Amino acid sequence: MKKYYTLPLLLLLVPSLSACQDTEHSIVAINNVGKNGLVEIGKYDLLRLIESKQQFVFEQYSPTCSHCTTLRPLLEKYAKNSKKTIYTCNMYGLTEEEFNIDFKGPYPDIFTDYYFPRIQFINDGKLTYEVSNAKFDSYYGLSNILDKHFFSSKIYMVQSEEEFTSYVEKNKNYIAYMYDQNDDRSVSLAAQYIITNEVAKAKKPIVLINFINYEGNLNALYTKFNVEYYAFASLVKDDEVTKTIDWSIADGSELSDLVASI
């Protein structure tokens, strides 16, 4: 039987959220989330993240591994410079039997052998790329290979008026989706139709606006998108709002069509 613990808050929506939700209904930080760095997760939370079928990058390491110690400052520097999130998992203390039963058994293509460190790119529960150990001793080599294979997501999550203003100054065509982390339908629709479609069709410019943690004038946002409250998704083309739906009453297909039209 697999063992699961409570999913760390850092895995949900954006790193500063405070509400716990199941990973399968969460929006994992895919690429640029306004803040950056390494996010530590537990061993069995890693399984939950894989089973969520969403895309992410993670490093397996052990504090007793000298190569891991060498790699850590390089990863931290890369995460800071690139503003991309990399999840890290301390595998120390996991016996070979536990590794084989809980990790290699259900995911033999991801957890091939028990060694560290390793950096892996995961999408739809599958390994899409693994960084060669030869790239671990040089920041230049590591950053080049990560840049080449890191997901080309254009999803950007904002929590403040400043972040939103900065986004729209650089983007004239995008979809704005305001979500409420405490609203199951809000998060579920985003995970199913926005994130999934973004992954499948690639490079869709989408800005996710965190209603609960947004620091700024919400009424100004409502006026811009001609809505009365937070449950909206809007298509913006050439800096003009061309279509807005109320996701609280619309079905998922409308949201999917909106994403497809950008």
C-alpha atoms as a PDB file:
ATOM      1  CA  MET A   1       0.000   0.000   0.000  1.00  0.00           C
ATOM      2  CA  LYS A   2       1.344   3.421  -0.902  1.00  0.00           C
ATOM      3  CA  LYS A   3       1.950   5.926   1.858  1.00  0.00           C
ATOM      4  CA  TYR A   4       0.755   9.506   1.515  1.00  0.00           C
ATOM      5  CA  TYR A   5       1.161  12.507   3.731  1.00  0.00           C
ATOM      6  CA  THR A   6      -0.406  15.944   3.593  1.00  0.00           C
ATOM      7  CA  LEU A   7       0.634  17.784   0.474  1.00  0.00           C
ATOM      8  CA  PRO A   8       2.941  20.723   1.298  1.00  0.00           C
ATOM      9  CA  LEU A   9       1.433  24.147   0.830  1.00  0.00           C
ATOM     10  CA  LEU A  10       4.192  25.082  -1.576  1.00  0.00           C
ATOM     11  CA  LEU A  11       2.815  22.721  -4.196  1.00  0.00           C
ATOM     12  CA  LEU A  12      -0.529  24.458  -4.437  1.00  0.00           C
ATOM     13  CA  LEU A  13      -1.323  27.153  -6.967  1.00  0.00           C
ATOM     14  CA  VAL A  14       1.525  29.498  -6.022  1.00  0.00           C
ATOM     15  CA  PRO A  15       4.098  29.164  -3.252  1.00  0.00           C
ATOM     16  CA  SER A  16       2.432  31.556  -0.790  1.00  0.00           C
ATOM     17  CA  LEU A  17      -1.042  30.054  -0.690  1.00  0.00           C
ATOM     18  CA  SER A  18      -2.257  28.840   2.669  1.00  0.00           C
ATOM     19  CA  ALA A  19      -5.114  26.456   1.858  1.00  0.00           C
ATOM     20  CA  CYS A  20      -4.543  22.693   1.485  1.00  0.00           C
ATOM     21  CA  GLN A  21      -6.069  20.929  -1.508  1.00  0.00           C
ATOM     22  CA  ASP A  22      -5.512  17.631  -3.310  1.00  0.00           C
ATOM     23  CA  THR A  23      -2.796  17.824  -5.935  1.00  0.00           C
ATOM     24  CA  GLU A  24      -5.130  16.553  -8.634  1.00  0.00           C
ATOM     25  CA  HIS A  25      -7.162  19.728  -8.193  1.00  0.00           C
ATOM     26  CA  SER A  26      -4.230  22.095  -7.816  1.00  0.00           C
ATOM     27  CA  ILE A  27      -2.392  24.318 -10.251  1.00  0.00           C
ATOM     28  CA  VAL A  28       1.252  23.403  -9.939  1.00  0.00           C
ATOM     29  CA  ALA A  29       3.830  26.108 -10.492  1.00  0.00           C
ATOM     30  CA  ILE A  30       4.857  25.210 -14.016  1.00  0.00           C
ATOM     31  CA  ASN A  31       7.355  27.842 -14.971  1.00  0.00           C
ATOM     32  CA  ASN A  32       7.278  31.474 -13.964  1.00  0.00           C
ATOM     33  CA  VAL A  33       5.085  32.157 -10.940  1.00  0.00           C
ATOM     34  CA  GLY A  34       6.267  35.621 -10.048  1.00  0.00           C
ATOM     35  CA  LYS A  35       8.529  34.170  -7.384  1.00  0.00           C
ATOM     36  CA  ASN A  36      11.204  31.576  -7.896  1.00  0.00           C
ATOM     37  CA  GLY A  37      13.478  29.067  -6.241  1.00  0.00           C
ATOM     38  CA  LEU A  38      13.762  25.487  -5.122  1.00  0.00           C
ATOM     39  CA  VAL A  39      10.665  23.979  -3.511  1.00  0.00           C
ATOM     40  CA  GLU A  40      11.262  21.097  -1.091  1.00  0.00           C
ATOM     41  CA  ILE A  41       8.690  18.296  -1.169  1.00  0.00           C
ATOM     42  CA  GLY A  42       8.318  15.008   0.704  1.00  0.00           C
ATOM     43  CA  LYS A  43       8.989  11.574  -0.807  1.00  0.00           C
ATOM     44  CA  TYR A  44       5.368  10.549  -1.068  1.00  0.00           C
ATOM     45  CA  ASP A  45       4.210  14.005  -2.059  1.00  0.00           C
ATOM     46  CA  LEU A  46       6.436  13.448  -5.090  1.00  0.00           C
ATOM     47  CA  LEU A  47       4.269  10.453  -6.006  1.00  0.00           C
ATOM     48  CA  ARG A  48       1.129  12.523  -5.635  1.00  0.00           C
ATOM     49  CA  LEU A  49       2.599  15.177  -7.892  1.00  0.00           C
ATOM     50  CA  ILE A  50       3.446  12.599 -10.561  1.00  0.00           C
ATOM     51  CA  GLU A  51      -0.054  11.122 -10.315  1.00  0.00           C
ATOM     52  CA  SER A  52      -1.580  14.568 -10.824  1.00  0.00           C
ATOM     53  CA  LYS A  53      -0.499  14.258 -14.505  1.00  0.00           C
ATOM     54  CA  GLN A  54       0.827  17.811 -14.522  1.00  0.00           C
ATOM     55  CA  GLN A  55       4.216  18.960 -15.732  1.00  0.00           C
ATOM     56  CA  PHE A  56       7.065  19.850 -13.420  1.00  0.00           C
ATOM     57  CA  VAL A  57      10.805  19.508 -12.904  1.00  0.00           C
ATOM     58  CA  PHE A  58      12.328  17.890  -9.832  1.00  0.00           C
ATOM     59  CA  GLU A  59      15.651  16.870  -8.356  1.00  0.00           C
ATOM     60  CA  GLN A  60      16.203  13.743  -6.269  1.00  0.00           C
ATOM     61  CA  TYR A  61      19.041  14.146  -3.805  1.00  0.00           C
ATOM     62  CA  SER A  62      20.576  12.981  -0.552  1.00  0.00           C
ATOM     63  CA  PRO A  63      22.402  15.278   1.923  1.00  0.00           C
ATOM     64  CA  THR A  64      25.097  12.593   2.281  1.00  0.00           C
ATOM     65  CA  CYS A  65      25.877  12.720  -1.458  1.00  0.00           C
ATOM     66  CA  SER A  66      28.896  14.883  -2.372  1.00  0.00           C
ATOM     67  CA  HIS A  67      27.675  15.393  -5.950  1.00  0.00           C
ATOM     68  CA  CYS A  68      24.343  16.622  -4.568  1.00  0.00           C
ATOM     69  CA  THR A  69      26.180  19.134  -2.381  1.00  0.00           C
ATOM     70  CA  THR A  70      28.039  20.415  -5.449  1.00  0.00           C
ATOM     71  CA  LEU A  71      24.860  20.613  -7.511  1.00  0.00           C
ATOM     72  CA  ARG A  72      22.710  22.484  -4.959  1.00  0.00           C
ATOM     73  CA  PRO A  73      24.212  26.005  -5.311  1.00  0.00           C
ATOM     74  CA  LEU A  74      24.119  25.647  -9.100  1.00  0.00           C
ATOM     75  CA  LEU A  75      20.427  24.746  -9.002  1.00  0.00           C
ATOM     76  CA  GLU A  76      19.688  27.625  -6.633  1.00  0.00           C
ATOM     77  CA  LYS A  77      21.490  30.034  -8.940  1.00  0.00           C
ATOM     78  CA  TYR A  78      19.633  28.716 -11.978  1.00  0.00           C
ATOM     79  CA  ALA A  79      16.225  28.944 -10.271  1.00  0.00           C
ATOM     80  CA  LYS A  80      16.954  32.525  -9.225  1.00  0.00           C
ATOM     81  CA  ASN A  81      18.347  33.684 -12.579  1.00  0.00           C
ATOM     82  CA  SER A  82      15.725  31.971 -14.735  1.00  0.00           C
ATOM     83  CA  LYS A  83      12.765  32.575 -12.399  1.00  0.00           C
ATOM     84  CA  LYS A  84      11.740  28.947 -12.780  1.00  0.00           C
ATOM     85  CA  THR A  85      10.598  26.568 -10.080  1.00  0.00           C
ATOM     86  CA  ILE A  86      12.365  23.270  -9.458  1.00  0.00           C
ATOM     87  CA  TYR A  87      11.034  20.815  -6.892  1.00  0.00           C
ATOM     88  CA  THR A  88      13.588  18.953  -4.782  1.00  0.00           C
ATOM     89  CA  CYS A  89      13.078  15.711  -2.885  1.00  0.00           C
ATOM     90  CA  ASN A  90      15.374  14.349  -0.166  1.00  0.00           C
ATOM     91  CA  MET A  91      15.473  10.582  -0.705  1.00  0.00           C
ATOM     92  CA  TYR A  92      17.799   9.924   2.240  1.00  0.00           C
ATOM     93  CA  GLY A  93      16.604   7.143   4.560  1.00  0.00           C
ATOM     94  CA  LEU A  94      14.496   5.435   1.914  1.00  0.00           C
ATOM     95  CA  THR A  95      15.437   1.755   1.869  1.00  0.00           C
ATOM     96  CA  GLU A  96      15.950  -0.070  -1.406  1.00  0.00           C
ATOM     97  CA  GLU A  97      12.876  -2.184  -0.666  1.00  0.00           C
ATOM     98  CA  GLU A  98      10.713   0.896  -0.085  1.00  0.00           C
ATOM     99  CA  PHE A  99      12.142   2.479  -3.236  1.00  0.00           C
ATOM    100  CA  ASN A 100      11.281  -0.574  -5.325  1.00  0.00           C
ATOM    101  CA  ILE A 101       7.757  -0.940  -3.911  1.00  0.00           C
ATOM    102  CA  ASP A 102       6.643   2.679  -3.750  1.00  0.00           C
ATOM    103  CA  PHE A 103       8.575   4.295  -6.592  1.00  0.00           C
ATOM    104  CA  LYS A 104      10.164   1.909  -9.084  1.00  0.00           C
ATOM    105  CA  GLY A 105       7.182  -0.463  -9.009  1.00  0.00           C
ATOM    106  CA  PRO A 106       4.486   1.984 -10.190  1.00  0.00           C
ATOM    107  CA  TYR A 107       6.867   4.181 -12.233  1.00  0.00           C
ATOM    108  CA  PRO A 108       9.738   2.036 -13.585  1.00  0.00           C
ATOM    109  CA  ASP A 109      10.501   4.478 -16.409  1.00  0.00           C
ATOM    110  CA  ILE A 110      10.997   7.373 -13.978  1.00  0.00           C
ATOM    111  CA  PHE A 111      12.678   5.618 -11.050  1.00  0.00           C
ATOM    112  CA  THR A 112      14.986   3.303 -12.944  1.00  0.00           C
ATOM    113  CA  ASP A 113      17.779   3.008 -10.391  1.00  0.00           C
ATOM    114  CA  TYR A 114      18.394   4.274  -6.882  1.00  0.00           C
ATOM    115  CA  TYR A 115      21.095   6.913  -7.354  1.00  0.00           C
ATOM    116  CA  PHE A 116      21.618  10.638  -6.785  1.00  0.00           C
ATOM    117  CA  PRO A 117      21.549  13.335  -7.837  1.00  0.00           C
ATOM    118  CA  ARG A 118      19.165  13.320 -10.778  1.00  0.00           C
ATOM    119  CA  ILE A 119      17.085  16.072 -12.378  1.00  0.00           C
ATOM    120  CA  GLN A 120      13.998  14.951 -14.263  1.00  0.00           C
ATOM    121  CA  PHE A 121      11.324  16.578 -16.395  1.00  0.00           C
ATOM    122  CA  ILE A 122       7.862  15.055 -15.899  1.00  0.00           C
ATOM    123  CA  ASN A 123       4.723  15.550 -17.968  1.00  0.00           C
ATOM    124  CA  ASP A 124       1.474  13.557 -17.875  1.00  0.00           C
ATOM    125  CA  GLY A 125       2.988  11.140 -15.361  1.00  0.00           C
ATOM    126  CA  LYS A 126       5.882  10.287 -17.675  1.00  0.00           C
ATOM    127  CA  LEU A 127       9.576  11.089 -17.823  1.00  0.00           C
ATOM    128  CA  THR A 128      10.254  13.390 -20.773  1.00  0.00           C
ATOM    129  CA  TYR A 129      13.901  14.201 -20.097  1.00  0.00           C
ATOM    130  CA  GLU A 130      16.647  13.499 -17.554  1.00  0.00           C
ATOM    131  CA  VAL A 131      19.650  15.795 -17.201  1.00  0.00           C
ATOM    132  CA  SER A 132      22.947  14.001 -17.667  1.00  0.00           C
ATOM    133  CA  ASN A 133      25.290  13.800 -14.673  1.00  0.00           C
ATOM    134  CA  ALA A 134      27.989  15.234 -16.903  1.00  0.00           C
ATOM    135  CA  LYS A 135      26.208  18.598 -16.725  1.00  0.00           C
ATOM    136  CA  PHE A 136      26.167  18.781 -12.907  1.00  0.00           C
ATOM    137  CA  ASP A 137      29.656  20.181 -12.300  1.00  0.00           C
ATOM    138  CA  SER A 138      29.346  23.276 -14.471  1.00  0.00           C
ATOM    139  CA  TYR A 139      26.763  26.037 -14.132  1.00  0.00           C
ATOM    140  CA  TYR A 140      27.178  26.817 -17.826  1.00  0.00           C
ATOM    141  CA  GLY A 141      26.498  23.222 -18.827  1.00  0.00           C
ATOM    142  CA  LEU A 142      23.607  22.845 -16.390  1.00  0.00           C
ATOM    143  CA  SER A 143      21.896  26.102 -17.319  1.00  0.00           C
ATOM    144  CA  ASN A 144      22.210  25.429 -21.054  1.00  0.00           C
ATOM    145  CA  ILE A 145      20.650  21.984 -20.814  1.00  0.00           C
ATOM    146  CA  LEU A 146      17.865  23.157 -18.487  1.00  0.00           C
ATOM    147  CA  ASP A 147      17.053  26.116 -20.729  1.00  0.00           C
ATOM    148  CA  LYS A 148      16.859  23.814 -23.720  1.00  0.00           C
ATOM    149  CA  HIS A 149      14.488  21.333 -22.143  1.00  0.00           C
ATOM    150  CA  PHE A 150      12.527  23.416 -19.636  1.00  0.00           C
ATOM    151  CA  PHE A 151       8.850  23.605 -20.526  1.00  0.00           C
ATOM    152  CA  SER A 152       7.952  26.565 -22.698  1.00  0.00           C
ATOM    153  CA  SER A 153       4.926  27.466 -20.630  1.00  0.00           C
ATOM    154  CA  LYS A 154       3.513  30.950 -20.957  1.00  0.00           C
ATOM    155  CA  ILE A 155       1.328  30.741 -17.883  1.00  0.00           C
ATOM    156  CA  TYR A 156       2.018  33.573 -15.474  1.00  0.00           C
ATOM    157  CA  MET A 157       0.466  33.817 -12.016  1.00  0.00           C
ATOM    158  CA  VAL A 158       0.034  37.211 -10.395  1.00  0.00           C
ATOM    159  CA  GLN A 159      -0.734  38.190  -6.832  1.00  0.00           C
ATOM    160  CA  SER A 160      -0.459  41.952  -7.035  1.00  0.00           C
ATOM    161  CA  GLU A 161      -1.517  44.921  -9.118  1.00  0.00           C
ATOM    162  CA  GLU A 162       2.152  45.615  -9.854  1.00  0.00           C
ATOM    163  CA  GLU A 163       2.689  42.114 -11.279  1.00  0.00           C
ATOM    164  CA  PHE A 164      -0.482  42.332 -13.353  1.00  0.00           C
ATOM    165  CA  THR A 165       0.417  45.783 -14.734  1.00  0.00           C
ATOM    166  CA  SER A 166       3.879  44.540 -15.644  1.00  0.00           C
ATOM    167  CA  TYR A 167       2.340  41.574 -17.466  1.00  0.00           C
ATOM    168  CA  VAL A 168      -0.159  43.542 -19.580  1.00  0.00           C
ATOM    169  CA  GLU A 169       2.489  46.107 -20.532  1.00  0.00           C
ATOM    170  CA  LYS A 170       4.390  43.317 -22.285  1.00  0.00           C
ATOM    171  CA  ASN A 171       1.454  41.213 -23.510  1.00  0.00           C
ATOM    172  CA  LYS A 172      -1.360  42.466 -25.746  1.00  0.00           C
ATOM    173  CA  ASN A 173      -2.884  39.034 -26.403  1.00  0.00           C
ATOM    174  CA  TYR A 174      -3.705  36.726 -23.504  1.00  0.00           C
ATOM    175  CA  ILE A 175      -6.378  35.090 -21.410  1.00  0.00           C
ATOM    176  CA  ALA A 176      -7.007  36.390 -17.912  1.00  0.00           C
ATOM    177  CA  TYR A 177      -8.458  33.878 -15.468  1.00  0.00           C
ATOM    178  CA  MET A 178      -9.262  34.930 -11.941  1.00  0.00           C
ATOM    179  CA  TYR A 179      -9.496  32.045  -9.519  1.00  0.00           C
ATOM    180  CA  ASP A 180     -10.344  31.552  -5.869  1.00  0.00           C
ATOM    181  CA  GLN A 181      -8.113  28.993  -4.164  1.00  0.00           C
ATOM    182  CA  ASN A 182     -10.973  28.152  -1.792  1.00  0.00           C
ATOM    183  CA  ASP A 183     -13.444  27.476  -4.584  1.00  0.00           C
ATOM    184  CA  ASP A 184     -13.163  23.863  -5.775  1.00  0.00           C
ATOM    185  CA  ARG A 185     -14.854  24.580  -9.125  1.00  0.00           C
ATOM    186  CA  SER A 186     -12.567  27.531  -9.765  1.00  0.00           C
ATOM    187  CA  VAL A 187      -9.398  25.494  -9.292  1.00  0.00           C
ATOM    188  CA  SER A 188     -10.744  22.323 -10.926  1.00  0.00           C
ATOM    189  CA  LEU A 189     -11.771  24.142 -14.121  1.00  0.00           C
ATOM    190  CA  ALA A 190      -8.404  25.843 -14.361  1.00  0.00           C
ATOM    191  CA  ALA A 191      -6.525  22.580 -13.857  1.00  0.00           C
ATOM    192  CA  GLN A 192      -8.687  20.722 -16.385  1.00  0.00           C
ATOM    193  CA  TYR A 193      -9.204  23.267 -19.152  1.00  0.00           C
ATOM    194  CA  ILE A 194      -6.564  25.952 -18.800  1.00  0.00           C
ATOM    195  CA  ILE A 195      -3.525  24.024 -17.611  1.00  0.00           C
ATOM    196  CA  THR A 196      -4.291  20.869 -19.620  1.00  0.00           C
ATOM    197  CA  ASN A 197      -4.986  22.808 -22.803  1.00  0.00           C
ATOM    198  CA  GLU A 198      -1.927  24.947 -22.265  1.00  0.00           C
ATOM    199  CA  VAL A 199       0.220  21.847 -21.977  1.00  0.00           C
ATOM    200  CA  ALA A 200      -1.375  20.167 -24.978  1.00  0.00           C
ATOM    201  CA  LYS A 201      -1.385  23.126 -27.348  1.00  0.00           C
ATOM    202  CA  ALA A 202       1.698  24.846 -25.905  1.00  0.00           C
ATOM    203  CA  LYS A 203       2.667  28.455 -25.522  1.00  0.00           C
ATOM    204  CA  LYS A 204      -0.754  29.898 -24.731  1.00  0.00           C
ATOM    205  CA  PRO A 205      -0.305  33.276 -23.000  1.00  0.00           C
ATOM    206  CA  ILE A 206      -2.408  32.981 -19.846  1.00  0.00           C
ATOM    207  CA  VAL A 207      -2.347  35.135 -16.744  1.00  0.00           C
ATOM    208  CA  LEU A 208      -3.830  33.579 -13.618  1.00  0.00           C
ATOM    209  CA  ILE A 209      -5.003  36.120 -11.052  1.00  0.00           C
ATOM    210  CA  ASN A 210      -5.132  34.979  -7.451  1.00  0.00           C
ATOM    211  CA  PHE A 211      -8.344  36.474  -6.036  1.00  0.00           C
ATOM    212  CA  ILE A 212      -7.613  35.645  -2.385  1.00  0.00           C
ATOM    213  CA  ASN A 213      -4.060  36.991  -2.246  1.00  0.00           C
ATOM    214  CA  TYR A 214      -4.338  39.764  -4.829  1.00  0.00           C
ATOM    215  CA  GLU A 215      -2.790  42.975  -3.558  1.00  0.00           C
ATOM    216  CA  GLY A 216      -4.425  45.774  -5.475  1.00  0.00           C
ATOM    217  CA  ASN A 217      -7.688  47.347  -6.570  1.00  0.00           C
ATOM    218  CA  LEU A 218     -10.044  44.502  -7.471  1.00  0.00           C
ATOM    219  CA  ASN A 219     -12.725  46.911  -8.679  1.00  0.00           C
ATOM    220  CA  ALA A 220     -10.287  48.281 -11.267  1.00  0.00           C
ATOM    221  CA  LEU A 221      -9.821  44.743 -12.562  1.00  0.00           C
ATOM    222  CA  TYR A 222     -13.569  44.147 -12.654  1.00  0.00           C
ATOM    223  CA  THR A 223     -14.014  47.362 -14.636  1.00  0.00           C
ATOM    224  CA  LYS A 224     -11.262  46.429 -17.089  1.00  0.00           C
ATOM    225  CA  PHE A 225     -12.879  43.064 -17.839  1.00  0.00           C
ATOM    226  CA  ASN A 226     -16.482  44.319 -17.456  1.00  0.00           C
ATOM    227  CA  VAL A 227     -17.413  41.864 -14.708  1.00  0.00           C
ATOM    228  CA  GLU A 228     -19.024  42.215 -11.301  1.00  0.00           C
ATOM    229  CA  TYR A 229     -16.964  39.730  -9.301  1.00  0.00           C
ATOM    230  CA  TYR A 230     -14.021  37.352  -9.436  1.00  0.00           C
ATOM    231  CA  ALA A 231     -15.481  34.360 -11.342  1.00  0.00           C
ATOM    232  CA  PHE A 232     -14.386  35.298 -14.838  1.00  0.00           C
ATOM    233  CA  ALA A 233     -12.153  34.349 -17.741  1.00  0.00           C
ATOM    234  CA  SER A 234     -11.470  36.938 -20.446  1.00  0.00           C
ATOM    235  CA  LEU A 235      -9.904  36.779 -23.885  1.00  0.00           C
ATOM    236  CA  VAL A 236      -7.801  39.847 -24.693  1.00  0.00           C
ATOM    237  CA  LYS A 237      -6.611  40.585 -28.242  1.00  0.00           C
ATOM    238  CA  ASP A 238      -4.652  43.670 -29.230  1.00  0.00           C
ATOM    239  CA  ASP A 239      -5.162  44.933 -25.698  1.00  0.00           C
ATOM    240  CA  GLU A 240      -8.959  44.802 -26.106  1.00  0.00           C
ATOM    241  CA  VAL A 241     -11.291  42.471 -24.202  1.00  0.00           C
ATOM    242  CA  THR A 242     -13.060  40.475 -26.929  1.00  0.00           C
ATOM    243  CA  LYS A 243     -14.906  37.865 -24.891  1.00  0.00           C
ATOM    244  CA  THR A 244     -15.579  37.182 -21.210  1.00  0.00           C
ATOM    245  CA  ILE A 245     -17.274  34.221 -19.597  1.00  0.00           C
ATOM    246  CA  ASP A 246     -18.467  33.668 -16.064  1.00  0.00           C
ATOM    247  CA  TRP A 247     -16.927  30.299 -15.217  1.00  0.00           C
ATOM    248  CA  SER A 248     -19.306  29.837 -12.268  1.00  0.00           C
ATOM    249  CA  ILE A 249     -22.209  29.382 -14.694  1.00  0.00           C
ATOM    250  CA  ALA A 250     -20.384  28.376 -17.909  1.00  0.00           C
ATOM    251  CA  ASP A 251     -19.435  24.799 -18.599  1.00  0.00           C
ATOM    252  CA  GLY A 252     -15.909  23.614 -19.238  1.00  0.00           C
ATOM    253  CA  SER A 253     -16.292  23.569 -23.017  1.00  0.00           C
ATOM    254  CA  GLU A 254     -16.705  27.351 -23.096  1.00  0.00           C
ATOM    255  CA  LEU A 255     -13.516  27.741 -21.128  1.00  0.00           C
ATOM    256  CA  SER A 256     -11.749  25.318 -23.431  1.00  0.00           C
ATOM    257  CA  ASP A 257     -12.963  27.239 -26.513  1.00  0.00           C
ATOM    258  CA  LEU A 258     -11.712  30.451 -24.965  1.00  0.00           C
ATOM    259  CA  VAL A 259      -8.234  28.977 -24.513  1.00  0.00           C
ATOM    260  CA  ALA A 260      -8.241  27.592 -28.043  1.00  0.00           C
ATOM    261  CA  SER A 261      -9.098  30.975 -29.552  1.00  0.00           C
ATOM    262  CA  ILE A 262      -6.064  32.848 -28.245  1.00  0.00           C
END
